[in-house]
Amino acid sequence: MKLEFFMVSRLVRGANSGGVASSVVKIAVAAVALSVCVMIVSIAVIVGFRNEIMDKVVGFGSCVNIINRESAANLESLPIDARQDFYPSIANEDGISHIQRYALKPCIFKSGSDIMGVMLKGVGEEYDWSFFEGNMISGHTLNVPDTVSGNRIVISKKMADLLNLEVGGSVVAYFIQDPPRMRKYTIVGIYSTGLEDCDKMFAMVDIAGIQKINGWNENQITGFEVMIDDISQLEVMTEIVRGVAGYRIAEDGSMLRVANVRENNSQLFDWITLTEMNVWVIIAIMVFVAFVNMSTALLIIIFEKASMIGLMKAIGARNWQIRKVFILQSLYILMKGLVIGNLIAFAIVAVQHFTGVIALDAESYYVDHVPCALDLWHFEAVDFGTLILMTIMMVLPSLAIGLMQPAKVIGFK
């Protein structure tokens, strides 16, 4: 066994036997464990927030949206022709999983004496209902190919609560146009996603009904929704869709506009970016706390073992060999703190991930509980980053060994 490892084993046993060194080591281990735990939980929460909100926003809309360029400045959407050469063949592109048509129409819901402004979203038989199926709290989604689906509607729990509606009941929609129109819908399903801004806005109906109310033919729609396989490739896939579907002029002079979910919800994603900055601040503070505690512990251990250091120097040990002994002991303390911190963090993240026990105000935070992403890479990133950074930092307090003179410290108590 090398001298350094032999000395570390003796120091570890000595630190576990009681005394000042033992207390200092326990405090250092606790500080490292706490810092690591806070860093892992912070990362898990912010990644959970980002994933949860992204899934909700994409579920309501899409990853990439193709509409009439002039629609962005109008409440009433302007139609485009559904007979595009990229539809539905664009779904065969690598990275693109699905494309679907939709049509929008603003209206006012009236139930008794209560009224509410709503955006009706008409969808076709190719619409992917998986997001809404996972968020239905009552009833079911639309069966669009059904011949009687034109007077059926899926609303949100927010709408149902405000207008005192339930599955099986009906709601009257008024359309402000010339001439004004109204239509009575039968409620077949109620959903709730927790994304309040969207829940209180969108109700789902058959696309044919929206086309009829707008005075459009069966080939006129508001736009297309494109879903991609990997949301991390959003910008790349947006450019691919833009290259296929954008930069073209229709016979009527209109142009298509291609925008992704980030561009359409910039304020929401700016808010997420701000929360990510908070996590980096927390991580920096936790690393500093761990460094201060580890440095203090190492310095106390070094001065407590001053006579041993003087003796080692007297028999010919070099400064870097002695420093290596104490850095290795710091590594032992660090590893012990990492293990404890990981276990505590895993317990906290797992409990919150599977139970959602810590609740939030959905109107303020867009979700009704604190979302935690249970990913092993969070643990690996924090562990390796902390291990490497703290090991390098421990070189600084170990430099005190070079200042000790054997003649002065051999008899030091």
Protein backbone atom coordinates (compact mmCIF):
# COMPACT_ATOMS: atom_id res chain seq x y z
CA MET A 1 0.00 0.00 0.00
CA LYS A 2 1.32 3.45 -0.91
CA LEU A 3 2.28 5.73 1.94
CA GLU A 4 -0.49 8.24 1.05
CA PHE A 5 -3.27 5.67 1.25
CA PHE A 6 -1.87 4.19 4.45
CA MET A 7 -1.83 7.64 6.07
CA VAL A 8 -5.36 8.42 4.84
CA SER A 9 -6.68 5.19 6.34
CA ARG A 10 -5.12 6.11 9.70
CA LEU A 11 -6.52 9.65 9.53
CA VAL A 12 -10.00 8.35 8.70
CA ARG A 13 -9.95 5.94 11.63
CA GLY A 14 -8.70 8.75 13.85
CA ALA A 15 -11.46 11.08 12.68
CA ASN A 16 -14.06 8.45 13.52
CA SER A 17 -12.72 7.91 17.02
CA GLY A 18 -13.99 11.20 18.43
CA GLY A 19 -12.48 14.59 19.23
CA VAL A 20 -12.37 17.85 17.34
CA ALA A 21 -11.51 16.22 14.00
CA SER A 22 -14.48 13.88 14.27
CA SER A 23 -16.92 16.76 14.82
CA VAL A 24 -15.38 18.78 11.99
CA VAL A 25 -15.64 15.85 9.58
CA LYS A 26 -19.30 15.28 10.47
CA ILE A 27 -20.10 18.96 9.88
CA ALA A 28 -18.27 18.89 6.54
CA VAL A 29 -20.09 15.73 5.44
CA ALA A 30 -23.43 17.29 6.42
CA ALA A 31 -22.61 20.48 4.50
CA VAL A 32 -21.68 18.55 1.36
CA ALA A 33 -24.78 16.35 1.65
CA LEU A 34 -27.04 19.38 2.06
CA SER A 35 -25.45 21.23 -0.85
CA VAL A 36 -25.66 18.25 -3.19
CA CYS A 37 -29.26 17.56 -2.17
CA VAL A 38 -30.32 21.16 -2.81
CA MET A 39 -28.57 21.23 -6.20
CA ILE A 40 -30.17 17.97 -7.39
CA VAL A 41 -33.65 18.91 -6.19
CA SER A 42 -33.35 22.39 -7.78
CA ILE A 43 -32.37 20.93 -11.15
CA ALA A 44 -35.10 18.27 -10.95
CA VAL A 45 -37.75 20.90 -10.19
CA ILE A 46 -36.78 23.35 -12.96
CA VAL A 47 -36.45 20.56 -15.56
CA GLY A 48 -39.80 19.21 -14.35
CA PHE A 49 -41.38 22.66 -14.73
CA ARG A 50 -39.97 23.07 -18.23
CA ASN A 51 -41.04 19.60 -19.38
CA GLU A 52 -44.51 19.85 -17.83
CA ILE A 53 -45.28 23.26 -19.31
CA MET A 54 -43.79 22.31 -22.68
CA ASP A 55 -45.96 19.17 -22.81
CA LYS A 56 -49.08 21.18 -21.96
CA VAL A 57 -48.44 23.96 -24.46
CA VAL A 58 -47.54 21.49 -27.21
CA GLY A 59 -50.60 19.39 -26.31
CA PHE A 60 -52.89 22.38 -26.81
CA GLY A 61 -51.21 23.49 -30.01
CA SER A 62 -48.24 21.85 -31.62
CA CYS A 63 -44.48 21.98 -31.88
CA VAL A 64 -44.64 23.89 -35.17
CA ASN A 65 -47.61 25.84 -36.55
CA ILE A 66 -48.38 26.69 -40.20
CA ILE A 67 -50.96 29.46 -40.75
CA ASN A 68 -51.84 32.36 -43.01
CA ARG A 69 -49.25 35.09 -42.47
CA GLU A 70 -51.99 37.69 -41.95
CA SER A 71 -53.75 35.66 -39.24
CA ALA A 72 -51.23 36.70 -36.58
CA ALA A 73 -52.67 40.23 -36.61
CA ASN A 74 -56.35 39.19 -36.62
CA LEU A 75 -58.63 37.72 -33.99
CA GLU A 76 -60.59 36.02 -36.77
CA SER A 77 -58.25 33.56 -38.49
CA LEU A 78 -57.81 33.86 -42.23
CA PRO A 79 -58.05 30.60 -44.18
CA ILE A 80 -55.44 28.70 -46.12
CA ASP A 81 -55.98 25.86 -48.57
CA ALA A 82 -55.63 22.40 -47.03
CA ARG A 83 -54.54 21.00 -50.40
CA GLN A 84 -50.86 21.74 -49.89
CA ASP A 85 -48.18 19.60 -51.52
CA PHE A 86 -46.56 19.03 -48.13
CA TYR A 87 -49.75 17.64 -46.56
CA PRO A 88 -49.67 14.92 -45.34
CA SER A 89 -46.32 13.86 -46.87
CA ILE A 90 -44.29 16.11 -44.53
CA ALA A 91 -44.95 13.56 -41.75
CA ASN A 92 -42.54 11.24 -43.61
CA GLU A 93 -39.63 13.60 -42.95
CA ASP A 94 -37.11 12.36 -40.39
CA GLY A 95 -37.92 13.86 -36.99
CA ILE A 96 -41.55 14.74 -37.83
CA SER A 97 -44.15 12.43 -36.32
CA HIS A 98 -47.53 13.91 -37.29
CA ILE A 99 -49.37 16.72 -39.06
CA GLN A 100 -53.02 17.68 -38.54
CA ARG A 101 -55.49 20.32 -39.73
CA TYR A 102 -57.40 22.70 -37.50
CA ALA A 103 -59.74 25.69 -37.69
CA LEU A 104 -60.40 28.40 -35.08
CA LYS A 105 -63.45 30.52 -34.35
CA PRO A 106 -63.97 32.94 -31.42
CA CYS A 107 -67.38 32.92 -29.79
CA ILE A 108 -69.26 33.71 -26.58
CA PHE A 109 -70.65 30.91 -24.43
CA LYS A 110 -73.93 31.59 -22.63
CA SER A 111 -75.41 29.39 -19.92
CA GLY A 112 -78.29 30.89 -17.99
CA SER A 113 -77.18 34.40 -17.06
CA ASP A 114 -73.45 33.58 -17.28
CA ILE A 115 -71.33 34.38 -20.34
CA MET A 116 -67.71 33.64 -21.25
CA GLY A 117 -65.47 34.34 -24.24
CA VAL A 118 -64.07 31.14 -25.77
CA MET A 119 -62.01 30.06 -28.77
CA LEU A 120 -63.50 27.04 -30.55
CA LYS A 121 -60.92 24.76 -32.10
CA GLY A 122 -62.21 22.54 -34.89
CA VAL A 123 -60.25 19.35 -35.54
CA GLY A 124 -60.44 16.59 -38.14
CA GLU A 125 -60.42 12.81 -38.01
CA GLU A 126 -56.60 12.73 -38.08
CA TYR A 127 -56.34 14.76 -34.84
CA ASP A 128 -54.14 13.18 -32.14
CA TRP A 129 -56.24 13.10 -28.94
CA SER A 130 -53.57 11.50 -26.72
CA PHE A 131 -52.91 14.71 -24.76
CA PHE A 132 -56.58 15.36 -23.99
CA GLU A 133 -57.28 11.68 -23.26
CA GLY A 134 -54.67 11.88 -20.51
CA ASN A 135 -56.36 14.98 -19.04
CA MET A 136 -60.06 14.06 -19.27
CA ILE A 137 -61.83 14.23 -15.90
CA SER A 138 -65.32 13.45 -17.19
CA GLY A 139 -66.82 12.07 -20.39
CA HIS A 140 -64.74 11.39 -23.49
CA THR A 141 -63.13 13.08 -26.49
CA LEU A 142 -64.85 13.67 -29.83
CA ASN A 143 -65.36 10.95 -32.40
CA VAL A 144 -64.96 13.30 -35.36
CA PRO A 145 -65.93 10.89 -38.17
CA ASP A 146 -69.27 10.40 -36.38
CA THR A 147 -72.08 11.95 -38.43
CA VAL A 148 -73.54 13.65 -35.34
CA SER A 149 -70.22 15.00 -34.03
CA GLY A 150 -70.95 18.47 -35.46
CA ASN A 151 -73.04 19.52 -32.44
CA ARG A 152 -70.79 17.94 -29.80
CA ILE A 153 -68.11 19.71 -27.81
CA VAL A 154 -65.33 19.09 -25.29
CA ILE A 155 -64.86 21.90 -22.79
CA SER A 156 -62.49 22.57 -19.88
CA LYS A 157 -63.24 22.21 -16.20
CA LYS A 158 -62.64 25.96 -15.90
CA MET A 159 -65.50 26.62 -18.32
CA ALA A 160 -67.71 24.03 -16.65
CA ASP A 161 -67.18 25.61 -13.22
CA LEU A 162 -67.74 29.19 -14.38
CA LEU A 163 -70.87 28.36 -16.41
CA ASN A 164 -72.24 25.54 -14.20
CA LEU A 165 -71.99 22.98 -17.00
CA GLU A 166 -71.60 19.18 -16.94
CA VAL A 167 -71.28 16.25 -19.32
CA GLY A 168 -74.58 15.59 -21.03
CA GLY A 169 -75.68 19.20 -20.70
CA SER A 170 -75.61 21.85 -23.39
CA VAL A 171 -74.14 25.27 -24.01
CA VAL A 172 -75.10 27.94 -26.52
CA ALA A 173 -72.34 29.62 -28.55
CA TYR A 174 -72.88 33.07 -30.09
CA PHE A 175 -70.72 34.11 -33.04
CA ILE A 176 -70.20 37.83 -33.55
CA GLN A 177 -70.25 38.19 -37.33
CA ASP A 178 -72.44 39.53 -40.10
CA PRO A 179 -75.03 38.20 -39.76
CA PRO A 180 -74.65 37.05 -36.12
CA ARG A 181 -75.12 33.34 -35.58
CA MET A 182 -75.66 30.95 -32.70
CA ARG A 183 -75.25 27.25 -32.19
CA LYS A 184 -76.16 24.83 -29.44
CA TYR A 185 -73.57 22.21 -28.46
CA THR A 186 -73.95 19.04 -26.39
CA ILE A 187 -71.08 18.55 -23.91
CA VAL A 188 -69.49 15.10 -24.26
CA GLY A 189 -66.28 15.65 -22.28
CA ILE A 190 -64.57 17.88 -19.74
CA TYR A 191 -60.78 18.19 -19.51
CA SER A 192 -58.39 19.84 -17.08
CA THR A 193 -54.68 20.36 -17.73
CA GLY A 194 -53.81 22.92 -15.05
CA LEU A 195 -52.55 25.34 -17.71
CA GLU A 196 -55.10 27.98 -16.79
CA ASP A 197 -54.52 30.37 -19.69
CA CYS A 198 -55.38 27.63 -22.18
CA ASP A 199 -58.01 25.85 -20.08
CA LYS A 200 -60.21 28.93 -19.95
CA MET A 201 -59.83 29.59 -23.67
CA PHE A 202 -60.08 26.44 -25.81
CA ALA A 203 -63.07 24.17 -26.47
CA MET A 204 -62.85 21.35 -29.04
CA VAL A 205 -65.39 20.74 -31.82
CA ASP A 206 -65.62 19.16 -35.29
CA ILE A 207 -63.68 21.10 -37.95
CA ALA A 208 -66.61 20.84 -40.38
CA GLY A 209 -68.79 22.90 -38.06
CA ILE A 210 -66.21 25.71 -37.87
CA GLN A 211 -65.82 25.70 -41.66
CA LYS A 212 -69.58 26.03 -42.06
CA ILE A 213 -69.87 28.89 -39.55
CA ASN A 214 -66.96 30.72 -41.21
CA GLY A 215 -68.51 30.24 -44.63
CA TRP A 216 -65.50 28.22 -45.79
CA ASN A 217 -65.48 25.21 -48.08
CA GLU A 218 -64.16 21.81 -46.96
CA ASN A 219 -60.63 22.65 -48.14
CA GLN A 220 -60.28 25.89 -46.18
CA ILE A 221 -58.67 25.71 -42.72
CA THR A 222 -56.91 27.96 -40.23
CA GLY A 223 -53.69 26.01 -40.45
CA PHE A 224 -51.65 22.89 -39.77
CA GLU A 225 -50.10 21.61 -36.57
CA VAL A 226 -46.83 19.70 -36.92
CA MET A 227 -45.54 17.41 -34.17
CA ILE A 228 -41.88 16.41 -33.91
CA ASP A 229 -40.14 13.45 -32.27
CA ASP A 230 -37.59 15.32 -30.16
CA ILE A 231 -38.54 18.66 -28.64
CA SER A 232 -34.87 19.45 -28.01
CA GLN A 233 -34.50 19.70 -31.81
CA LEU A 234 -37.30 22.27 -32.02
CA GLU A 235 -35.30 25.02 -33.74
CA VAL A 236 -33.75 22.62 -36.26
CA MET A 237 -37.09 21.04 -37.14
CA THR A 238 -38.73 24.47 -37.40
CA GLU A 239 -36.26 25.43 -40.10
CA ILE A 240 -36.93 22.16 -41.92
CA VAL A 241 -40.69 22.81 -41.86
CA ARG A 242 -40.08 26.42 -42.88
CA GLY A 243 -38.02 25.22 -45.82
CA VAL A 244 -40.79 22.85 -46.93
CA ALA A 245 -43.91 24.91 -46.16
CA GLY A 246 -42.82 28.52 -45.80
CA TYR A 247 -41.76 31.17 -48.29
CA ARG A 248 -44.58 30.39 -50.75
CA ILE A 249 -47.37 32.51 -52.17
CA ALA A 250 -50.84 31.09 -52.83
CA GLU A 251 -52.98 31.92 -55.87
CA ASP A 252 -54.91 34.50 -53.84
CA GLY A 253 -51.67 36.27 -52.88
CA SER A 254 -51.56 35.00 -49.30
CA MET A 255 -48.39 33.60 -47.74
CA LEU A 256 -47.85 30.92 -45.12
CA ARG A 257 -46.24 31.66 -41.77
CA VAL A 258 -44.26 28.97 -39.91
CA ALA A 259 -43.69 29.48 -36.17
CA ASN A 260 -42.81 27.13 -33.33
CA VAL A 261 -44.18 26.85 -29.81
CA ARG A 262 -41.43 29.08 -28.36
CA GLU A 263 -42.16 31.89 -30.79
CA ASN A 264 -45.90 31.65 -30.18
CA ASN A 265 -45.50 31.61 -26.37
CA SER A 266 -42.44 33.80 -25.89
CA GLN A 267 -43.57 35.30 -22.56
CA LEU A 268 -44.11 31.87 -21.03
CA PHE A 269 -40.71 30.62 -22.12
CA ASP A 270 -39.03 33.85 -20.97
CA TRP A 271 -40.49 33.12 -17.53
CA ILE A 272 -39.03 29.60 -17.64
CA THR A 273 -35.64 31.04 -18.62
CA LEU A 274 -35.73 33.35 -15.59
CA THR A 275 -36.43 30.39 -13.28
CA GLU A 276 -33.48 28.55 -14.84
CA MET A 277 -31.25 31.50 -13.94
CA ASN A 278 -32.39 31.16 -10.32
CA VAL A 279 -31.22 27.54 -10.31
CA TRP A 280 -27.75 28.56 -11.47
CA VAL A 281 -27.60 31.09 -8.62
CA ILE A 282 -28.65 28.39 -6.12
CA ILE A 283 -26.03 25.99 -7.48
CA ALA A 284 -23.30 28.65 -7.20
CA ILE A 285 -24.29 29.39 -3.59
CA MET A 286 -24.37 25.70 -2.65
CA VAL A 287 -20.96 25.08 -4.21
CA PHE A 288 -19.57 28.05 -2.28
CA VAL A 289 -21.10 26.76 0.99
CA ALA A 290 -19.62 23.30 0.40
CA PHE A 291 -16.22 24.81 -0.45
CA VAL A 292 -16.13 26.98 2.68
CA ASN A 293 -17.06 24.07 4.92
CA MET A 294 -14.67 21.66 3.26
CA SER A 295 -11.82 24.19 3.37
CA THR A 296 -12.47 24.94 7.03
CA ALA A 297 -12.58 21.24 7.86
CA LEU A 298 -9.36 20.55 5.96
CA LEU A 299 -7.53 23.44 7.61
CA ILE A 300 -8.63 22.31 11.08
CA ILE A 301 -7.49 18.75 10.36
CA ILE A 302 -4.16 20.02 8.98
CA PHE A 303 -3.41 22.16 12.04
CA GLU A 304 -4.56 19.42 14.38
CA LYS A 305 -2.08 17.08 12.67
CA ALA A 306 0.70 19.70 12.57
CA SER A 307 3.11 17.54 14.59
CA MET A 308 2.52 14.59 12.22
CA ILE A 309 3.17 16.85 9.23
CA GLY A 310 6.40 18.12 10.81
CA LEU A 311 7.52 14.54 11.50
CA MET A 312 6.79 13.48 7.90
CA LYS A 313 8.80 16.45 6.62
CA ALA A 314 11.63 15.58 8.98
CA ILE A 315 11.91 12.04 7.56
CA GLY A 316 12.00 13.34 3.99
CA ALA A 317 8.38 13.51 2.81
CA ARG A 318 7.82 16.23 0.25
CA ASN A 319 5.09 18.86 0.46
CA TRP A 320 3.12 17.46 -2.49
CA GLN A 321 3.11 13.98 -0.92
CA ILE A 322 1.72 15.35 2.34
CA ARG A 323 -0.81 17.52 0.51
CA LYS A 324 -1.96 14.44 -1.37
CA VAL A 325 -2.72 12.71 1.95
CA PHE A 326 -5.03 15.48 3.10
CA ILE A 327 -6.62 15.96 -0.33
CA LEU A 328 -7.41 12.24 -0.35
CA GLN A 329 -8.98 12.59 3.09
CA SER A 330 -11.06 15.50 1.74
CA LEU A 331 -12.08 13.22 -1.11
CA TYR A 332 -13.28 10.64 1.41
CA ILE A 333 -15.36 13.30 3.20
CA LEU A 334 -16.68 14.51 -0.14
CA MET A 335 -17.68 11.02 -1.31
CA LYS A 336 -19.46 10.33 1.96
CA GLY A 337 -21.38 13.60 1.65
CA LEU A 338 -22.26 12.83 -1.98
CA VAL A 339 -23.71 9.43 -1.10
CA ILE A 340 -25.84 10.83 1.73
CA GLY A 341 -26.94 13.85 -0.35
CA ASN A 342 -27.90 11.62 -3.29
CA LEU A 343 -29.99 9.33 -1.12
CA ILE A 344 -31.89 12.23 0.46
CA ALA A 345 -32.38 13.97 -2.91
CA PHE A 346 -33.59 10.76 -4.55
CA ALA A 347 -36.14 10.23 -1.78
CA ILE A 348 -37.46 13.81 -2.06
CA VAL A 349 -37.62 13.83 -5.87
CA ALA A 350 -39.16 10.34 -6.09
CA VAL A 351 -41.89 11.09 -3.53
CA GLN A 352 -42.82 14.37 -5.25
CA HIS A 353 -42.59 12.83 -8.75
CA PHE A 354 -44.97 9.98 -7.97
CA THR A 355 -47.33 11.65 -5.48
CA GLY A 356 -47.25 15.41 -6.22
CA VAL A 357 -47.67 15.98 -2.48
CA ILE A 358 -46.44 19.60 -2.64
CA ALA A 359 -49.24 21.59 -4.31
CA LEU A 360 -49.09 24.91 -6.17
CA ASP A 361 -51.54 27.57 -7.32
CA ALA A 362 -52.12 26.62 -10.97
CA GLU A 363 -53.16 30.17 -11.90
CA SER A 364 -49.74 31.49 -10.88
CA TYR A 365 -47.45 28.59 -11.76
CA TYR A 366 -49.33 26.88 -14.66
CA VAL A 367 -49.25 23.54 -12.80
CA ASP A 368 -51.11 22.36 -9.69
CA HIS A 369 -48.10 20.68 -8.03
CA VAL A 370 -44.32 20.96 -7.97
CA PRO A 371 -43.15 18.84 -10.92
CA CYS A 372 -39.92 16.89 -10.41
CA ALA A 373 -38.11 15.19 -13.29
CA LEU A 374 -36.67 11.89 -12.05
CA ASP A 375 -33.64 11.58 -14.35
CA LEU A 376 -30.36 9.90 -13.42
CA TRP A 377 -28.34 12.42 -15.42
CA HIS A 378 -29.25 15.09 -12.84
CA PHE A 379 -27.52 13.02 -10.16
CA GLU A 380 -24.57 12.18 -12.40
CA ALA A 381 -24.03 15.79 -13.49
CA VAL A 382 -24.10 17.15 -9.93
CA ASP A 383 -21.94 14.33 -8.54
CA PHE A 384 -19.20 14.51 -11.16
CA GLY A 385 -19.25 18.30 -11.28
CA THR A 386 -19.04 18.61 -7.49
CA LEU A 387 -16.40 15.90 -7.21
CA ILE A 388 -14.09 17.43 -9.82
CA LEU A 389 -14.60 21.06 -8.77
CA MET A 390 -14.22 20.46 -5.04
CA THR A 391 -11.14 18.24 -5.48
CA ILE A 392 -9.44 21.04 -7.43
CA MET A 393 -10.51 23.62 -4.85
CA MET A 394 -9.05 21.56 -1.99
CA VAL A 395 -5.58 22.28 -3.37
CA LEU A 396 -5.87 25.84 -2.00
CA PRO A 397 -6.21 25.07 1.75
CA SER A 398 -3.65 22.26 1.42
CA LEU A 399 -1.03 24.89 0.48
CA ALA A 400 -0.85 25.71 4.20
CA ILE A 401 1.25 22.55 4.59
CA GLY A 402 4.09 24.19 2.67
CA LEU A 403 4.26 26.98 5.28
CA MET A 404 4.87 24.60 8.17
CA GLN A 405 8.45 24.22 9.37
CA PRO A 406 9.34 20.86 10.99
CA ALA A 407 11.33 22.44 13.87
CA LYS A 408 8.34 24.54 14.93
CA VAL A 409 5.46 22.11 14.49
CA ILE A 410 6.83 18.72 15.65
CA GLY A 411 6.10 19.64 19.24
CA PHE A 412 2.89 21.51 18.42
CA LYS A 413 -0.16 20.40 20.42
